[in-house]
Amino acid sequence: QLHIVESGGGLVQPGGSLRLSCAASGFTLDYYAIGWFRQAPGKEREGVSCISVSGGRTKYDDSVKGRFTISRDNAKNTVYLQMDSLKAEDTAVYYCAARADLSRTCYVGESDYDYWGQGTQVTVSS
């Protein structure tokens, strides 16, 4: 059974950093493009970032460009989202999603992904 688990969320002050992890069990992420999404209270879920199978292609929402960095370590079967210079508006539940794909691109739409984790809460507050 395919299973994705996010971790690394928590409470951080504005300007601080967190690193989220997306780990897979039951399958290898080597052949999956990965996306990070978030959902703030009262808002729809939105795409934050994505990374291709090889890691050679990444995309970021304008709201996080220059502050967030997505990466993957296929040897550890894990994808990371490094979040720096966090702002209050980054507060949300963050989700990781996977899509079996061997292309050189990645995807930013919810409907592009087949497997989802349960999410990890990120709260940015002083």
PDB file of N, CA and C in Angstrom:
ATOM      1  N   GLN A   1       0.846  -1.186   0.000  1.00  0.00           N
ATOM      2  CA  GLN A   1       0.000   0.000   0.000  1.00  0.00           C
ATOM      3  C   GLN A   1       0.881   1.235   0.000  1.00  0.00           C
ATOM      4  N   LEU A   2       0.565   2.185  -0.856  1.00  0.00           N
ATOM      5  CA  LEU A   2       1.344   3.397  -0.950  1.00  0.00           C
ATOM      6  C   LEU A   2       0.977   4.338   0.186  1.00  0.00           C
ATOM      7  N   HIS A   3       1.995   4.891   0.811  1.00  0.00           N
ATOM      8  CA  HIS A   3       1.767   5.731   1.979  1.00  0.00           C
ATOM      9  C   HIS A   3       2.758   6.869   1.982  1.00  0.00           C
ATOM     10  N   ILE A   4       2.233   8.075   2.204  1.00  0.00           N
ATOM     11  CA  ILE A   4       3.080   9.265   2.274  1.00  0.00           C
ATOM     12  C   ILE A   4       2.884   9.926   3.629  1.00  0.00           C
ATOM     13  N   VAL A   5       3.965  10.332   4.254  1.00  0.00           N
ATOM     14  CA  VAL A   5       3.875  10.982   5.562  1.00  0.00           C
ATOM     15  C   VAL A   5       4.698  12.255   5.542  1.00  0.00           C
ATOM     16  N   GLU A   6       4.057  13.359   5.928  1.00  0.00           N
ATOM     17  CA  GLU A   6       4.761  14.628   6.082  1.00  0.00           C
ATOM     18  C   GLU A   6       5.191  14.780   7.539  1.00  0.00           C
ATOM     19  N   SER A   7       6.280  15.477   7.741  1.00  0.00           N
ATOM     20  CA  SER A   7       6.745  15.792   9.090  1.00  0.00           C
ATOM     21  C   SER A   7       7.553  17.083   9.056  1.00  0.00           C
ATOM     22  N   GLY A   8       7.822  17.609  10.242  1.00  0.00           N
ATOM     23  CA  GLY A   8       8.662  18.794  10.333  1.00  0.00           C
ATOM     24  C   GLY A   8       7.912  20.078  10.618  1.00  0.00           C
ATOM     25  N   GLY A   9       6.597  20.001  10.659  1.00  0.00           N
ATOM     26  CA  GLY A   9       5.834  21.208  10.959  1.00  0.00           C
ATOM     27  C   GLY A   9       5.977  21.608  12.415  1.00  0.00           C
ATOM     28  N   GLY A  10       5.436  22.781  12.734  1.00  0.00           N
ATOM     29  CA  GLY A  10       5.500  23.256  14.106  1.00  0.00           C
ATOM     30  C   GLY A  10       5.234  24.728  14.195  1.00  0.00           C
ATOM     31  N   LEU A  11       5.536  25.283  15.355  1.00  0.00           N
ATOM     32  CA  LEU A  11       5.360  26.707  15.617  1.00  0.00           C
ATOM     33  C   LEU A  11       6.708  27.404  15.482  1.00  0.00           C
ATOM     34  N   VAL A  12       6.734  28.468  14.714  1.00  0.00           N
ATOM     35  CA  VAL A  12       7.974  29.207  14.507  1.00  0.00           C
ATOM     36  C   VAL A  12       7.659  30.695  14.468  1.00  0.00           C
ATOM     37  N   GLN A  13       8.611  31.499  14.889  1.00  0.00           N
ATOM     38  CA  GLN A  13       8.418  32.952  14.864  1.00  0.00           C
ATOM     39  C   GLN A  13       8.603  33.494  13.452  1.00  0.00           C
ATOM     40  N   PRO A  14       7.996  34.620  13.158  1.00  0.00           N
ATOM     41  CA  PRO A  14       8.234  35.254  11.849  1.00  0.00           C
ATOM     42  C   PRO A  14       9.723  35.452  11.609  1.00  0.00           C
ATOM     43  N   GLY A  15      10.145  35.156  10.399  1.00  0.00           N
ATOM     44  CA  GLY A  15      11.558  35.237  10.062  1.00  0.00           C
ATOM     45  C   GLY A  15      12.315  33.951  10.282  1.00  0.00           C
ATOM     46  N   GLY A  16      11.684  33.010  10.934  1.00  0.00           N
ATOM     47  CA  GLY A  16      12.328  31.734  11.233  1.00  0.00           C
ATOM     48  C   GLY A  16      12.269  30.760  10.074  1.00  0.00           C
ATOM     49  N   SER A  17      12.762  29.546  10.335  1.00  0.00           N
ATOM     50  CA  SER A  17      12.850  28.506   9.308  1.00  0.00           C
ATOM     51  C   SER A  17      12.300  27.184   9.820  1.00  0.00           C
ATOM     52  N   LEU A  18      11.822  26.406   8.873  1.00  0.00           N
ATOM     53  CA  LEU A  18      11.425  25.022   9.127  1.00  0.00           C
ATOM     54  C   LEU A  18      11.795  24.208   7.897  1.00  0.00           C
ATOM     55  N   ARG A  19      12.037  22.925   8.107  1.00  0.00           N
ATOM     56  CA  ARG A  19      12.228  22.020   6.981  1.00  0.00           C
ATOM     57  C   ARG A  19      11.201  20.906   7.078  1.00  0.00           C
ATOM     58  N   LEU A  20      10.344  20.853   6.074  1.00  0.00           N
ATOM     59  CA  LEU A  20       9.351  19.794   6.009  1.00  0.00           C
ATOM     60  C   LEU A  20       9.924  18.610   5.236  1.00  0.00           C
ATOM     61  N   SER A  21       9.517  17.419   5.655  1.00  0.00           N
ATOM     62  CA  SER A  21       9.925  16.205   4.968  1.00  0.00           C
ATOM     63  C   SER A  21       8.691  15.463   4.473  1.00  0.00           C
ATOM     64  N   CYS A  22       8.861  14.818   3.339  1.00  0.00           N
ATOM     65  CA  CYS A  22       7.807  13.992   2.757  1.00  0.00           C
ATOM     66  C   CYS A  22       8.431  12.629   2.511  1.00  0.00           C
ATOM     67  N   ALA A  23       8.032  11.656   3.313  1.00  0.00           N
ATOM     68  CA  ALA A  23       8.618  10.325   3.220  1.00  0.00           C
ATOM     69  C   ALA A  23       7.592   9.340   2.690  1.00  0.00           C
ATOM     70  N   ALA A  24       8.076   8.398   1.915  1.00  0.00           N
ATOM     71  CA  ALA A  24       7.198   7.395   1.322  1.00  0.00           C
ATOM     72  C   ALA A  24       7.487   6.015   1.883  1.00  0.00           C
ATOM     73  N   SER A  25       6.444   5.246   2.022  1.00  0.00           N
ATOM     74  CA  SER A  25       6.612   3.838   2.385  1.00  0.00           C
ATOM     75  C   SER A  25       5.737   3.002   1.466  1.00  0.00           C
ATOM     76  N   GLY A  26       6.226   1.816   1.179  1.00  0.00           N
ATOM     77  CA  GLY A  26       5.460   0.961   0.295  1.00  0.00           C
ATOM     78  C   GLY A  26       5.773   1.164  -1.170  1.00  0.00           C
ATOM     79  N   PHE A  27       6.547   2.199  -1.480  1.00  0.00           N
ATOM     80  CA  PHE A  27       6.957   2.428  -2.852  1.00  0.00           C
ATOM     81  C   PHE A  27       8.166   3.348  -2.849  1.00  0.00           C
ATOM     82  N   THR A  28       8.864   3.394  -3.960  1.00  0.00           N
ATOM     83  CA  THR A  28      10.003   4.282  -4.080  1.00  0.00           C
ATOM     84  C   THR A  28       9.583   5.551  -4.803  1.00  0.00           C
ATOM     85  N   LEU A  29      10.105   6.673  -4.293  1.00  0.00           N
ATOM     86  CA  LEU A  29       9.767   7.958  -4.902  1.00  0.00           C
ATOM     87  C   LEU A  29      10.546   8.227  -6.185  1.00  0.00           C
ATOM     88  N   ASP A  30      11.457   7.324  -6.542  1.00  0.00           N
ATOM     89  CA  ASP A  30      12.315   7.541  -7.701  1.00  0.00           C
ATOM     90  C   ASP A  30      11.540   7.875  -8.965  1.00  0.00           C
ATOM     91  N   TYR A  31      10.324   7.339  -9.081  1.00  0.00           N
ATOM     92  CA  TYR A  31       9.560   7.502 -10.311  1.00  0.00           C
ATOM     93  C   TYR A  31       8.358   8.421 -10.138  1.00  0.00           C
ATOM     94  N   TYR A  32       8.404   9.247  -9.083  1.00  0.00           N
ATOM     95  CA  TYR A  32       7.272  10.102  -8.775  1.00  0.00           C
ATOM     96  C   TYR A  32       7.685  11.567  -8.734  1.00  0.00           C
ATOM     97  N   ALA A  33       6.922  12.379  -9.456  1.00  0.00           N
ATOM     98  CA  ALA A  33       7.018  13.815  -9.262  1.00  0.00           C
ATOM     99  C   ALA A  33       6.286  14.157  -7.964  1.00  0.00           C
ATOM    100  N   ILE A  34       6.798  15.138  -7.249  1.00  0.00           N
ATOM    101  CA  ILE A  34       6.258  15.486  -5.938  1.00  0.00           C
ATOM    102  C   ILE A  34       5.827  16.942  -5.907  1.00  0.00           C
ATOM    103  N   GLY A  35       4.709  17.175  -5.277  1.00  0.00           N
ATOM    104  CA  GLY A  35       4.225  18.540  -5.084  1.00  0.00           C
ATOM    105  C   GLY A  35       3.965  18.808  -3.612  1.00  0.00           C
ATOM    106  N   TRP A  36       4.198  20.038  -3.230  1.00  0.00           N
ATOM    107  CA  TRP A  36       3.824  20.518  -1.893  1.00  0.00           C
ATOM    108  C   TRP A  36       2.662  21.498  -2.058  1.00  0.00           C
ATOM    109  N   PHE A  37       1.649  21.306  -1.241  1.00  0.00           N
ATOM    110  CA  PHE A  37       0.484  22.169  -1.238  1.00  0.00           C
ATOM    111  C   PHE A  37       0.247  22.653   0.187  1.00  0.00           C
ATOM    112  N   ARG A  38      -0.565  23.677   0.331  1.00  0.00           N
ATOM    113  CA  ARG A  38      -0.921  24.131   1.666  1.00  0.00           C
ATOM    114  C   ARG A  38      -2.352  24.634   1.683  1.00  0.00           C
ATOM    115  N   GLN A  39      -2.955  24.556   2.862  1.00  0.00           N
ATOM    116  CA  GLN A  39      -4.308  25.052   3.028  1.00  0.00           C
ATOM    117  C   GLN A  39      -4.389  25.837   4.332  1.00  0.00           C
ATOM    118  N   ALA A  40      -4.643  27.119   4.196  1.00  0.00           N
ATOM    119  CA  ALA A  40      -4.801  27.985   5.355  1.00  0.00           C
ATOM    120  C   ALA A  40      -6.261  27.945   5.800  1.00  0.00           C
ATOM    121  N   PRO A  41      -6.526  28.289   7.052  1.00  0.00           N
ATOM    122  CA  PRO A  41      -7.901  28.282   7.554  1.00  0.00           C
ATOM    123  C   PRO A  41      -8.814  29.149   6.690  1.00  0.00           C
ATOM    124  N   GLY A  42      -9.922  28.586   6.277  1.00  0.00           N
ATOM    125  CA  GLY A  42     -10.895  29.332   5.499  1.00  0.00           C
ATOM    126  C   GLY A  42     -10.526  29.541   4.048  1.00  0.00           C
ATOM    127  N   LYS A  43      -9.435  28.944   3.607  1.00  0.00           N
ATOM    128  CA  LYS A  43      -8.997  29.121   2.223  1.00  0.00           C
ATOM    129  C   LYS A  43      -8.904  27.772   1.508  1.00  0.00           C
ATOM    130  N   GLU A  44      -8.878  27.836   0.194  1.00  0.00           N
ATOM    131  CA  GLU A  44      -8.709  26.624  -0.581  1.00  0.00           C
ATOM    132  C   GLU A  44      -7.244  26.185  -0.575  1.00  0.00           C
ATOM    133  N   ARG A  45      -7.058  24.903  -0.833  1.00  0.00           N
ATOM    134  CA  ARG A  45      -5.701  24.389  -0.911  1.00  0.00           C
ATOM    135  C   ARG A  45      -5.009  24.969  -2.146  1.00  0.00           C
ATOM    136  N   GLU A  46      -3.732  25.320  -1.999  1.00  0.00           N
ATOM    137  CA  GLU A  46      -2.997  25.924  -3.095  1.00  0.00           C
ATOM    138  C   GLU A  46      -1.647  25.250  -3.272  1.00  0.00           C
ATOM    139  N   GLY A  47      -1.156  25.266  -4.487  1.00  0.00           N
ATOM    140  CA  GLY A  47       0.155  24.708  -4.770  1.00  0.00           C
ATOM    141  C   GLY A  47       1.257  25.617  -4.292  1.00  0.00           C
ATOM    142  N   VAL A  48       2.280  25.046  -3.692  1.00  0.00           N
ATOM    143  CA  VAL A  48       3.409  25.810  -3.178  1.00  0.00           C
ATOM    144  C   VAL A  48       4.659  25.588  -4.034  1.00  0.00           C
ATOM    145  N   SER A  49       4.934  24.311  -4.298  1.00  0.00           N
ATOM    146  CA  SER A  49       6.152  23.990  -5.032  1.00  0.00           C
ATOM    147  C   SER A  49       6.039  22.568  -5.578  1.00  0.00           C
ATOM    148  N   CYS A  50       6.876  22.256  -6.557  1.00  0.00           N
ATOM    149  CA  CYS A  50       6.915  20.887  -7.062  1.00  0.00           C
ATOM    150  C   CYS A  50       8.322  20.581  -7.567  1.00  0.00           C
ATOM    151  N   ILE A  51       8.601  19.284  -7.702  1.00  0.00           N
ATOM    152  CA  ILE A  51       9.913  18.856  -8.172  1.00  0.00           C
ATOM    153  C   ILE A  51       9.739  17.632  -9.066  1.00  0.00           C
ATOM    154  N   SER A  52      10.490  17.614 -10.150  1.00  0.00           N
ATOM    155  CA  SER A  52      10.403  16.499 -11.085  1.00  0.00           C
ATOM    156  C   SER A  52      11.104  15.259 -10.524  1.00  0.00           C
ATOM    157  N   VAL A  53      10.964  14.155 -11.240  1.00  0.00           N
ATOM    158  CA  VAL A  53      11.546  12.888 -10.808  1.00  0.00           C
ATOM    159  C   VAL A  53      13.049  13.009 -10.594  1.00  0.00           C
ATOM    160  N   SER A  54      13.714  13.650 -11.523  1.00  0.00           N
ATOM    161  CA  SER A  54      15.177  13.771 -11.437  1.00  0.00           C
ATOM    162  C   SER A  54      15.625  14.867 -10.499  1.00  0.00           C
ATOM    163  N   GLY A  55      14.696  15.753 -10.161  1.00  0.00           N
ATOM    164  CA  GLY A  55      15.068  16.914  -9.365  1.00  0.00           C
ATOM    165  C   GLY A  55      15.550  18.078 -10.201  1.00  0.00           C
ATOM    166  N   GLY A  56      15.608  17.863 -11.516  1.00  0.00           N
ATOM    167  CA  GLY A  56      16.130  18.899 -12.372  1.00  0.00           C
ATOM    168  C   GLY A  56      15.160  20.020 -12.686  1.00  0.00           C
ATOM    169  N   ARG A  57      13.899  19.803 -12.386  1.00  0.00           N
ATOM    170  CA  ARG A  57      12.901  20.835 -12.658  1.00  0.00           C
ATOM    171  C   ARG A  57      12.130  21.107 -11.379  1.00  0.00           C
ATOM    172  N   THR A  58      12.088  22.369 -10.992  1.00  0.00           N
ATOM    173  CA  THR A  58      11.313  22.767  -9.827  1.00  0.00           C
ATOM    174  C   THR A  58      10.464  23.977 -10.176  1.00  0.00           C
ATOM    175  N   LYS A  59       9.385  24.131  -9.442  1.00  0.00           N
ATOM    176  CA  LYS A  59       8.510  25.294  -9.621  1.00  0.00           C
ATOM    177  C   LYS A  59       8.107  25.809  -8.249  1.00  0.00           C
ATOM    178  N   TYR A  60       7.857  27.107  -8.187  1.00  0.00           N
ATOM    179  CA  TYR A  60       7.442  27.722  -6.932  1.00  0.00           C
ATOM    180  C   TYR A  60       6.322  28.716  -7.189  1.00  0.00           C
ATOM    181  N   ASP A  61       5.396  28.764  -6.236  1.00  0.00           N
ATOM    182  CA  ASP A  61       4.402  29.828  -6.293  1.00  0.00           C
ATOM    183  C   ASP A  61       5.111  31.152  -6.027  1.00  0.00           C
ATOM    184  N   ASP A  62       4.599  32.219  -6.632  1.00  0.00           N
ATOM    185  CA  ASP A  62       5.234  33.527  -6.457  1.00  0.00           C
ATOM    186  C   ASP A  62       5.338  33.930  -4.990  1.00  0.00           C
ATOM    187  N   SER A  63       4.396  33.498  -4.179  1.00  0.00           N
ATOM    188  CA  SER A  63       4.374  33.916  -2.776  1.00  0.00           C
ATOM    189  C   SER A  63       5.535  33.336  -1.960  1.00  0.00           C
ATOM    190  N   VAL A  64       6.197  32.290  -2.484  1.00  0.00           N
ATOM    191  CA  VAL A  64       7.282  31.651  -1.720  1.00  0.00           C
ATOM    192  C   VAL A  64       8.619  31.695  -2.451  1.00  0.00           C
ATOM    193  N   LYS A  65       8.642  32.220  -3.658  1.00  0.00           N
ATOM    194  CA  LYS A  65       9.895  32.285  -4.417  1.00  0.00           C
ATOM    195  C   LYS A  65      10.950  33.045  -3.655  1.00  0.00           C
ATOM    196  N   GLY A  66      12.153  32.480  -3.610  1.00  0.00           N
ATOM    197  CA  GLY A  66      13.257  33.105  -2.916  1.00  0.00           C
ATOM    198  C   GLY A  66      13.305  32.788  -1.428  1.00  0.00           C
ATOM    199  N   ARG A  67      12.240  32.167  -0.919  1.00  0.00           N
ATOM    200  CA  ARG A  67      12.200  31.828   0.507  1.00  0.00           C
ATOM    201  C   ARG A  67      12.137  30.319   0.749  1.00  0.00           C
ATOM    202  N   PHE A  68      11.472  29.600  -0.145  1.00  0.00           N
ATOM    203  CA  PHE A  68      11.319  28.151  -0.008  1.00  0.00           C
ATOM    204  C   PHE A  68      12.197  27.456  -1.044  1.00  0.00           C
ATOM    205  N   THR A  69      12.706  26.284  -0.648  1.00  0.00           N
ATOM    206  CA  THR A  69      13.507  25.479  -1.567  1.00  0.00           C
ATOM    207  C   THR A  69      13.065  24.025  -1.458  1.00  0.00           C
ATOM    208  N   ILE A  70      12.718  23.443  -2.594  1.00  0.00           N
ATOM    209  CA  ILE A  70      12.329  22.038  -2.633  1.00  0.00           C
ATOM    210  C   ILE A  70      13.511  21.215  -3.115  1.00  0.00           C
ATOM    211  N   SER A  71      13.671  20.041  -2.531  1.00  0.00           N
ATOM    212  CA  SER A  71      14.763  19.155  -2.941  1.00  0.00           C
ATOM    213  C   SER A  71      14.335  17.715  -2.679  1.00  0.00           C
ATOM    214  N   ARG A  72      15.093  16.799  -3.243  1.00  0.00           N
ATOM    215  CA  ARG A  72      14.764  15.392  -3.013  1.00  0.00           C
ATOM    216  C   ARG A  72      16.033  14.585  -2.830  1.00  0.00           C
ATOM    217  N   ASP A  73      15.912  13.558  -2.000  1.00  0.00           N
ATOM    218  CA  ASP A  73      17.002  12.615  -1.784  1.00  0.00           C
ATOM    219  C   ASP A  73      16.407  11.233  -2.028  1.00  0.00           C
ATOM    220  N   ASN A  74      16.535  10.764  -3.235  1.00  0.00           N
ATOM    221  CA  ASN A  74      15.913   9.489  -3.592  1.00  0.00           C
ATOM    222  C   ASN A  74      16.512   8.324  -2.814  1.00  0.00           C
ATOM    223  N   ALA A  75      17.754   8.454  -2.397  1.00  0.00           N
ATOM    224  CA  ALA A  75      18.373   7.391  -1.601  1.00  0.00           C
ATOM    225  C   ALA A  75      17.665   7.238  -0.257  1.00  0.00           C
ATOM    226  N   LYS A  76      17.123   8.355   0.241  1.00  0.00           N
ATOM    227  CA  LYS A  76      16.389   8.323   1.512  1.00  0.00           C
ATOM    228  C   LYS A  76      14.884   8.268   1.293  1.00  0.00           C
ATOM    229  N   ASN A  77      14.494   8.211  -0.002  1.00  0.00           N
ATOM    230  CA  ASN A  77      13.073   8.134  -0.329  1.00  0.00           C
ATOM    231  C   ASN A  77      12.291   9.291   0.296  1.00  0.00           C
ATOM    232  N   THR A  78      12.884  10.476   0.238  1.00  0.00           N
ATOM    233  CA  THR A  78      12.325  11.645   0.925  1.00  0.00           C
ATOM    234  C   THR A  78      12.466  12.887   0.063  1.00  0.00           C
ATOM    235  N   VAL A  79      11.449  13.723   0.138  1.00  0.00           N
ATOM    236  CA  VAL A  79      11.483  15.050  -0.489  1.00  0.00           C
ATOM    237  C   VAL A  79      11.375  16.080   0.625  1.00  0.00           C
ATOM    238  N   TYR A  80      12.100  17.182   0.467  1.00  0.00           N
ATOM    239  CA  TYR A  80      12.148  18.208   1.502  1.00  0.00           C
ATOM    240  C   TYR A  80      11.596  19.531   0.979  1.00  0.00           C
ATOM    241  N   LEU A  81      11.079  20.307   1.904  1.00  0.00           N
ATOM    242  CA  LEU A  81      10.716  21.693   1.605  1.00  0.00           C
ATOM    243  C   LEU A  81      11.356  22.558   2.684  1.00  0.00           C
ATOM    244  N   GLN A  82      12.436  23.221   2.326  1.00  0.00           N
ATOM    245  CA  GLN A  82      13.102  24.140   3.250  1.00  0.00           C
ATOM    246  C   GLN A  82      12.396  25.480   3.181  1.00  0.00           C
ATOM    247  N   MET A  83      11.916  25.942   4.309  1.00  0.00           N
ATOM    248  CA  MET A  83      11.152  27.183   4.358  1.00  0.00           C
ATOM    249  C   MET A  83      11.903  28.188   5.228  1.00  0.00           C
ATOM    250  N   ASP A  84      12.360  29.244   4.626  1.00  0.00           N
ATOM    251  CA  ASP A  84      13.094  30.307   5.321  1.00  0.00           C
ATOM    252  C   ASP A  84      12.300  31.601   5.279  1.00  0.00           C
ATOM    253  N   SER A  85      12.690  32.536   6.133  1.00  0.00           N
ATOM    254  CA  SER A  85      12.044  33.853   6.190  1.00  0.00           C
ATOM    255  C   SER A  85      10.529  33.707   6.258  1.00  0.00           C
ATOM    256  N   LEU A  86      10.083  32.855   7.141  1.00  0.00           N
ATOM    257  CA  LEU A  86       8.660  32.562   7.233  1.00  0.00           C
ATOM    258  C   LEU A  86       7.859  33.773   7.678  1.00  0.00           C
ATOM    259  N   LYS A  87       6.648  33.851   7.137  1.00  0.00           N
ATOM    260  CA  LYS A  87       5.740  34.948   7.434  1.00  0.00           C
ATOM    261  C   LYS A  87       4.455  34.378   8.036  1.00  0.00           C
ATOM    262  N   ALA A  88       3.707  35.242   8.673  1.00  0.00           N
ATOM    263  CA  ALA A  88       2.442  34.808   9.278  1.00  0.00           C
ATOM    264  C   ALA A  88       1.522  34.195   8.224  1.00  0.00           C
ATOM    265  N   GLU A  89       1.566  34.738   7.022  1.00  0.00           N
ATOM    266  CA  GLU A  89       0.691  34.231   5.963  1.00  0.00           C
ATOM    267  C   GLU A  89       1.109  32.870   5.429  1.00  0.00           C
ATOM    268  N   ASP A  90       2.220  32.342   5.897  1.00  0.00           N
ATOM    269  CA  ASP A  90       2.613  30.982   5.532  1.00  0.00           C
ATOM    270  C   ASP A  90       1.939  29.942   6.436  1.00  0.00           C
ATOM    271  N   THR A  91       1.247  30.415   7.449  1.00  0.00           N
ATOM    272  CA  THR A  91       0.548  29.508   8.351  1.00  0.00           C
ATOM    273  C   THR A  91      -0.494  28.700   7.597  1.00  0.00           C
ATOM    274  N   ALA A  92      -0.401  27.380   7.702  1.00  0.00           N
ATOM    275  CA  ALA A  92      -1.295  26.492   6.962  1.00  0.00           C
ATOM    276  C   ALA A  92      -0.964  25.045   7.312  1.00  0.00           C
ATOM    277  N   VAL A  93      -1.826  24.157   6.859  1.00  0.00           N
ATOM    278  CA  VAL A  93      -1.485  22.742   6.845  1.00  0.00           C
ATOM    279  C   VAL A  93      -0.805  22.465   5.513  1.00  0.00           C
ATOM    280  N   TYR A  94       0.359  21.862   5.566  1.00  0.00           N
ATOM    281  CA  TYR A  94       1.134  21.576   4.363  1.00  0.00           C
ATOM    282  C   TYR A  94       1.005  20.098   3.993  1.00  0.00           C
ATOM    283  N   TYR A  95       0.725  19.864   2.731  1.00  0.00           N
ATOM    284  CA  TYR A  95       0.523  18.517   2.224  1.00  0.00           C
ATOM    285  C   TYR A  95       1.553  18.195   1.151  1.00  0.00           C
ATOM    286  N   CYS A  96       1.943  16.943   1.143  1.00  0.00           N
ATOM    287  CA  CYS A  96       2.806  16.408   0.103  1.00  0.00           C
ATOM    288  C   CYS A  96       1.963  15.489  -0.787  1.00  0.00           C
ATOM    289  N   ALA A  97       2.225  15.528  -2.082  1.00  0.00           N
ATOM    290  CA  ALA A  97       1.486  14.687  -3.016  1.00  0.00           C
ATOM    291  C   ALA A  97       2.438  14.087  -4.038  1.00  0.00           C
ATOM    292  N   ALA A  98       2.097  12.907  -4.527  1.00  0.00           N
ATOM    293  CA  ALA A  98       2.965  12.202  -5.463  1.00  0.00           C
ATOM    294  C   ALA A  98       2.208  11.800  -6.726  1.00  0.00           C
ATOM    295  N   ARG A  99       2.938  11.821  -7.841  1.00  0.00           N
ATOM    296  CA  ARG A  99       2.376  11.438  -9.134  1.00  0.00           C
ATOM    297  C   ARG A  99       3.418  10.599  -9.866  1.00  0.00           C
ATOM    298  N   ALA A 100       3.033   9.409 -10.260  1.00  0.00           N
ATOM    299  CA  ALA A 100       3.946   8.570 -11.030  1.00  0.00           C
ATOM    300  C   ALA A 100       4.197   9.241 -12.373  1.00  0.00           C
ATOM    301  N   ASP A 101       5.469   9.526 -12.655  1.00  0.00           N
ATOM    302  CA  ASP A 101       5.748  10.325 -13.847  1.00  0.00           C
ATOM    303  C   ASP A 101       7.226  10.259 -14.185  1.00  0.00           C
ATOM    304  N   LEU A 102       7.535  10.040 -15.443  1.00  0.00           N
ATOM    305  CA  LEU A 102       8.930   9.975 -15.845  1.00  0.00           C
ATOM    306  C   LEU A 102       9.331  11.141 -16.745  1.00  0.00           C
ATOM    307  N   SER A 103       8.496  12.147 -16.791  1.00  0.00           N
ATOM    308  CA  SER A 103       8.826  13.297 -17.624  1.00  0.00           C
ATOM    309  C   SER A 103       9.824  14.186 -16.894  1.00  0.00           C
ATOM    310  N   ARG A 104      10.220  15.222 -17.538  1.00  0.00           N
ATOM    311  CA  ARG A 104      11.212  16.131 -16.970  1.00  0.00           C
ATOM    312  C   ARG A 104      10.576  17.339 -16.295  1.00  0.00           C
ATOM    313  N   THR A 105       9.273  17.278 -16.087  1.00  0.00           N
ATOM    314  CA  THR A 105       8.620  18.428 -15.493  1.00  0.00           C
ATOM    315  C   THR A 105       7.960  18.032 -14.177  1.00  0.00           C
ATOM    316  N   CYS A 106       7.284  18.977 -13.558  1.00  0.00           N
ATOM    317  CA  CYS A 106       6.469  18.691 -12.378  1.00  0.00           C
ATOM    318  C   CYS A 106       5.190  19.501 -12.511  1.00  0.00           C
ATOM    319  N   TYR A 107       4.298  19.360 -11.545  1.00  0.00           N
ATOM    320  CA  TYR A 107       2.940  19.826 -11.718  1.00  0.00           C
ATOM    321  C   TYR A 107       2.470  20.607 -10.493  1.00  0.00           C
ATOM    322  N   VAL A 108       1.657  21.608 -10.725  1.00  0.00           N
ATOM    323  CA  VAL A 108       1.238  22.465  -9.613  1.00  0.00           C
ATOM    324  C   VAL A 108      -0.250  22.382  -9.325  1.00  0.00           C
ATOM    325  N   GLY A 109      -0.971  21.519 -10.035  1.00  0.00           N
ATOM    326  CA  GLY A 109      -2.401  21.398  -9.811  1.00  0.00           C
ATOM    327  C   GLY A 109      -2.740  20.209  -8.930  1.00  0.00           C
ATOM    328  N   GLU A 110      -3.741  20.386  -8.070  1.00  0.00           N
ATOM    329  CA  GLU A 110      -4.154  19.286  -7.201  1.00  0.00           C
ATOM    330  C   GLU A 110      -4.556  18.057  -7.990  1.00  0.00           C
ATOM    331  N   SER A 111      -5.249  18.237  -9.082  1.00  0.00           N
ATOM    332  CA  SER A 111      -5.764  17.112  -9.855  1.00  0.00           C
ATOM    333  C   SER A 111      -4.654  16.343 -10.568  1.00  0.00           C
ATOM    334  N   ASP A 112      -3.441  16.881 -10.563  1.00  0.00           N
ATOM    335  CA  ASP A 112      -2.318  16.206 -11.202  1.00  0.00           C
ATOM    336  C   ASP A 112      -1.745  15.088 -10.348  1.00  0.00           C
ATOM    337  N   TYR A 113      -2.141  15.015  -9.097  1.00  0.00           N
ATOM    338  CA  TYR A 113      -1.512  14.076  -8.161  1.00  0.00           C
ATOM    339  C   TYR A 113      -2.461  12.979  -7.728  1.00  0.00           C
ATOM    340  N   ASP A 114      -1.876  11.817  -7.494  1.00  0.00           N
ATOM    341  CA  ASP A 114      -2.659  10.635  -7.182  1.00  0.00           C
ATOM    342  C   ASP A 114      -2.633  10.245  -5.711  1.00  0.00           C
ATOM    343  N   TYR A 115      -1.536  10.547  -5.035  1.00  0.00           N
ATOM    344  CA  TYR A 115      -1.350  10.107  -3.657  1.00  0.00           C
ATOM    345  C   TYR A 115      -1.044  11.310  -2.780  1.00  0.00           C
ATOM    346  N   TRP A 116      -1.693  11.334  -1.614  1.00  0.00           N
ATOM    347  CA  TRP A 116      -1.583  12.478  -0.715  1.00  0.00           C
ATOM    348  C   TRP A 116      -1.264  12.020   0.701  1.00  0.00           C
ATOM    349  N   GLY A 117      -0.476  12.853   1.403  1.00  0.00           N
ATOM    350  CA  GLY A 117      -0.265  12.633   2.821  1.00  0.00           C
ATOM    351  C   GLY A 117      -1.378  13.282   3.633  1.00  0.00           C
ATOM    352  N   GLN A 118      -1.265  13.155   4.951  1.00  0.00           N
ATOM    353  CA  GLN A 118      -2.294  13.677   5.855  1.00  0.00           C
ATOM    354  C   GLN A 118      -2.038  15.143   6.234  1.00  0.00           C
ATOM    355  N   GLY A 119      -0.860  15.631   5.941  1.00  0.00           N
ATOM    356  CA  GLY A 119      -0.560  17.031   6.211  1.00  0.00           C
ATOM    357  C   GLY A 119       0.182  17.244   7.520  1.00  0.00           C
ATOM    358  N   THR A 120       0.891  18.360   7.584  1.00  0.00           N
ATOM    359  CA  THR A 120       1.585  18.767   8.805  1.00  0.00           C
ATOM    360  C   THR A 120       1.336  20.257   9.013  1.00  0.00           C
ATOM    361  N   GLN A 121       1.033  20.623  10.250  1.00  0.00           N
ATOM    362  CA  GLN A 121       0.667  22.014  10.554  1.00  0.00           C
ATOM    363  C   GLN A 121       1.915  22.882  10.692  1.00  0.00           C
ATOM    364  N   VAL A 122       1.881  24.008  10.024  1.00  0.00           N
ATOM    365  CA  VAL A 122       2.919  25.030  10.176  1.00  0.00           C
ATOM    366  C   VAL A 122       2.248  26.297  10.676  1.00  0.00           C
ATOM    367  N   THR A 123       2.711  26.794  11.807  1.00  0.00           N
ATOM    368  CA  THR A 123       2.158  28.015  12.383  1.00  0.00           C
ATOM    369  C   THR A 123       3.283  29.022  12.575  1.00  0.00           C
ATOM    370  N   VAL A 124       3.126  30.188  11.966  1.00  0.00           N
ATOM    371  CA  VAL A 124       4.120  31.248  12.075  1.00  0.00           C
ATOM    372  C   VAL A 124       3.501  32.368  12.896  1.00  0.00           C
ATOM    373  N   SER A 125       4.028  32.533  14.101  1.00  0.00           N
ATOM    374  CA  SER A 125       3.444  33.506  15.017  1.00  0.00           C
ATOM    375  C   SER A 125       4.463  33.895  16.070  1.00  0.00           C
ATOM    376  N   SER A 126       4.358  35.150  16.509  1.00  0.00           N
ATOM    377  CA  SER A 126       5.227  35.596  17.592  1.00  0.00           C
ATOM    378  C   SER A 126       4.546  35.413  18.934  1.00  0.00           C
TER     379      SER A 126
END
